[in-house]
Amino acid sequence: MLGLEYSGFTNTMLALEAVNRHLLDYQAVLADVAVENEKQLALRYTQTFLRERLEAMVLASLYGLTGEDGAFYRASLKYDVQDALALTGGVVIYQSGDNIFFERIARNDRVFVELRYNF
């Protein structure tokens, strides 16, 4: 795994992560649940606004070098209403690919809302 983060822009962070997973002693009987070599690339952009009360985040996670095995994308906004109260909303989009996991979840995109209070 290799990861890089850059926060040289005001209130902004960019991140890139790459990983190559290799299963030792891989057997063909595992083909329905795992692959011998799996590459994943993740890109994340985060920026804060309104004196760091609003945070925007976009994440792209690709399986295979170009997403040919599948991918998911997440975008969200988080607003700190008060110090202990935050409201978050966003969307997750799945892309089908050669990986059987992504074939099964490709039509399960979602929209989410979260209200969190910390004591």
Protein backbone atom coordinates (compact mmCIF):
# COMPACT_ATOMS: atom_id res chain seq x y z
CA MET A 1 0.00 0.00 0.00
CA LEU A 2 1.18 3.47 -0.86
CA GLY A 3 -0.56 6.64 0.22
CA LEU A 4 0.01 10.34 -0.32
CA GLU A 5 -1.79 13.28 1.22
CA TYR A 6 -1.41 16.94 0.31
CA SER A 7 -2.88 19.79 2.33
CA GLY A 8 -0.99 22.75 0.85
CA PHE A 9 -4.16 24.49 -0.31
CA THR A 10 -6.20 26.53 2.16
CA ASN A 11 -8.83 24.35 3.91
CA THR A 12 -8.29 21.56 1.35
CA MET A 13 -6.84 18.07 1.49
CA LEU A 14 -6.15 15.76 -1.44
CA ALA A 15 -5.32 12.08 -0.89
CA LEU A 16 -4.26 9.25 -3.16
CA GLU A 17 -3.93 5.63 -2.03
CA ALA A 18 -2.90 2.61 -4.09
CA VAL A 19 -2.80 -1.02 -2.97
CA ASN A 20 -2.07 -4.38 -4.57
CA ARG A 21 -3.51 -7.32 -2.62
CA HIS A 22 -2.01 -10.73 -3.37
CA LEU A 23 -3.40 -13.95 -1.89
CA LEU A 24 -0.68 -16.49 -1.21
CA ASP A 25 -1.58 -20.12 -1.99
CA TYR A 26 -4.57 -18.99 -4.10
CA GLN A 27 -6.71 -21.86 -5.39
CA ALA A 28 -9.22 -21.76 -8.23
CA VAL A 29 -12.00 -22.87 -5.87
CA LEU A 30 -11.86 -19.34 -4.40
CA ALA A 31 -12.74 -17.71 -7.73
CA ASP A 32 -16.33 -16.91 -6.65
CA VAL A 33 -15.26 -14.97 -3.55
CA ALA A 34 -11.70 -13.72 -4.11
CA VAL A 35 -9.10 -12.96 -6.74
CA GLU A 36 -5.40 -13.75 -6.59
CA ASN A 37 -4.24 -10.21 -7.37
CA GLU A 38 -6.42 -7.19 -6.74
CA LYS A 39 -5.43 -3.59 -7.39
CA GLN A 40 -7.28 -0.68 -5.82
CA LEU A 41 -6.87 3.05 -6.26
CA ALA A 42 -8.60 5.61 -4.03
CA LEU A 43 -8.76 9.37 -4.57
CA ARG A 44 -10.23 11.73 -1.97
CA TYR A 45 -10.89 15.47 -1.99
CA THR A 46 -11.96 17.25 1.20
CA GLN A 47 -12.53 20.97 1.70
CA THR A 48 -13.97 23.01 4.54
CA PHE A 49 -16.01 26.19 4.26
CA LEU A 50 -17.76 28.66 6.55
CA ARG A 51 -14.97 28.77 9.13
CA GLU A 52 -14.71 24.96 9.07
CA ARG A 53 -18.37 24.39 9.92
CA LEU A 54 -19.15 22.88 6.48
CA GLU A 55 -17.09 20.03 5.04
CA ALA A 56 -17.39 18.74 1.48
CA MET A 57 -15.88 15.35 0.63
CA VAL A 58 -15.66 13.40 -2.63
CA LEU A 59 -14.18 9.89 -2.75
CA ALA A 60 -13.57 7.62 -5.73
CA SER A 61 -12.42 4.06 -5.07
CA LEU A 62 -11.51 2.09 -8.20
CA TYR A 63 -10.82 -1.64 -8.35
CA GLY A 64 -8.41 -2.48 -11.14
CA LEU A 65 -6.23 0.26 -12.54
CA THR A 66 -9.09 2.00 -14.36
CA GLY A 67 -12.12 0.69 -12.46
CA GLU A 68 -12.66 -2.27 -14.78
CA ASP A 69 -13.26 -4.55 -11.77
CA GLY A 70 -15.79 -2.14 -10.26
CA ALA A 71 -15.82 1.07 -8.29
CA PHE A 72 -17.75 3.19 -5.87
CA TYR A 73 -18.07 6.93 -5.55
CA ARG A 74 -19.14 8.86 -2.48
CA ALA A 75 -19.93 12.53 -2.10
CA SER A 76 -21.06 14.13 1.15
CA LEU A 77 -21.60 17.40 2.96
CA LYS A 78 -21.29 17.69 6.73
CA TYR A 79 -22.48 20.76 8.60
CA ASP A 80 -21.68 21.38 12.26
CA VAL A 81 -24.88 22.96 13.54
CA GLN A 82 -23.38 23.32 17.02
CA ASP A 83 -20.24 21.99 18.67
CA ALA A 84 -21.97 18.71 19.54
CA LEU A 85 -24.52 18.51 16.72
CA ALA A 86 -23.68 17.67 13.09
CA LEU A 87 -25.85 17.00 10.03
CA THR A 88 -24.41 14.94 7.17
CA GLY A 89 -25.92 14.03 3.82
CA GLY A 90 -24.66 12.51 0.64
CA VAL A 91 -24.77 9.87 -2.05
CA VAL A 92 -22.95 6.58 -2.78
CA ILE A 93 -22.85 5.28 -6.35
CA TYR A 94 -21.63 1.79 -7.28
CA GLN A 95 -20.20 0.85 -10.67
CA SER A 96 -20.36 -2.74 -11.89
CA GLY A 97 -17.25 -4.48 -13.12
CA ASP A 98 -15.49 -7.80 -13.51
CA ASN A 99 -15.37 -8.35 -9.73
CA ILE A 100 -18.41 -10.44 -8.70
CA PHE A 101 -18.92 -8.32 -5.58
CA PHE A 102 -19.52 -5.21 -7.68
CA GLU A 103 -21.77 -7.14 -10.08
CA ARG A 104 -24.02 -7.96 -7.14
CA ILE A 105 -24.20 -4.45 -5.64
CA ALA A 106 -24.17 -2.34 -8.83
CA ARG A 107 -27.86 -1.43 -8.50
CA ASN A 108 -27.68 -0.46 -4.82
CA ASP A 109 -26.82 3.23 -5.06
CA ARG A 110 -27.97 5.15 -2.02
CA VAL A 111 -28.67 8.54 -0.57
CA PHE A 112 -28.01 9.02 3.12
CA VAL A 113 -28.68 11.54 5.88
CA GLU A 114 -27.19 11.40 9.35
CA LEU A 115 -27.87 13.55 12.41
CA ARG A 116 -25.26 13.07 15.11
CA TYR A 117 -25.23 14.46 18.64
CA ASN A 118 -22.14 13.91 20.80
CA PHE A 119 -22.56 14.11 24.57
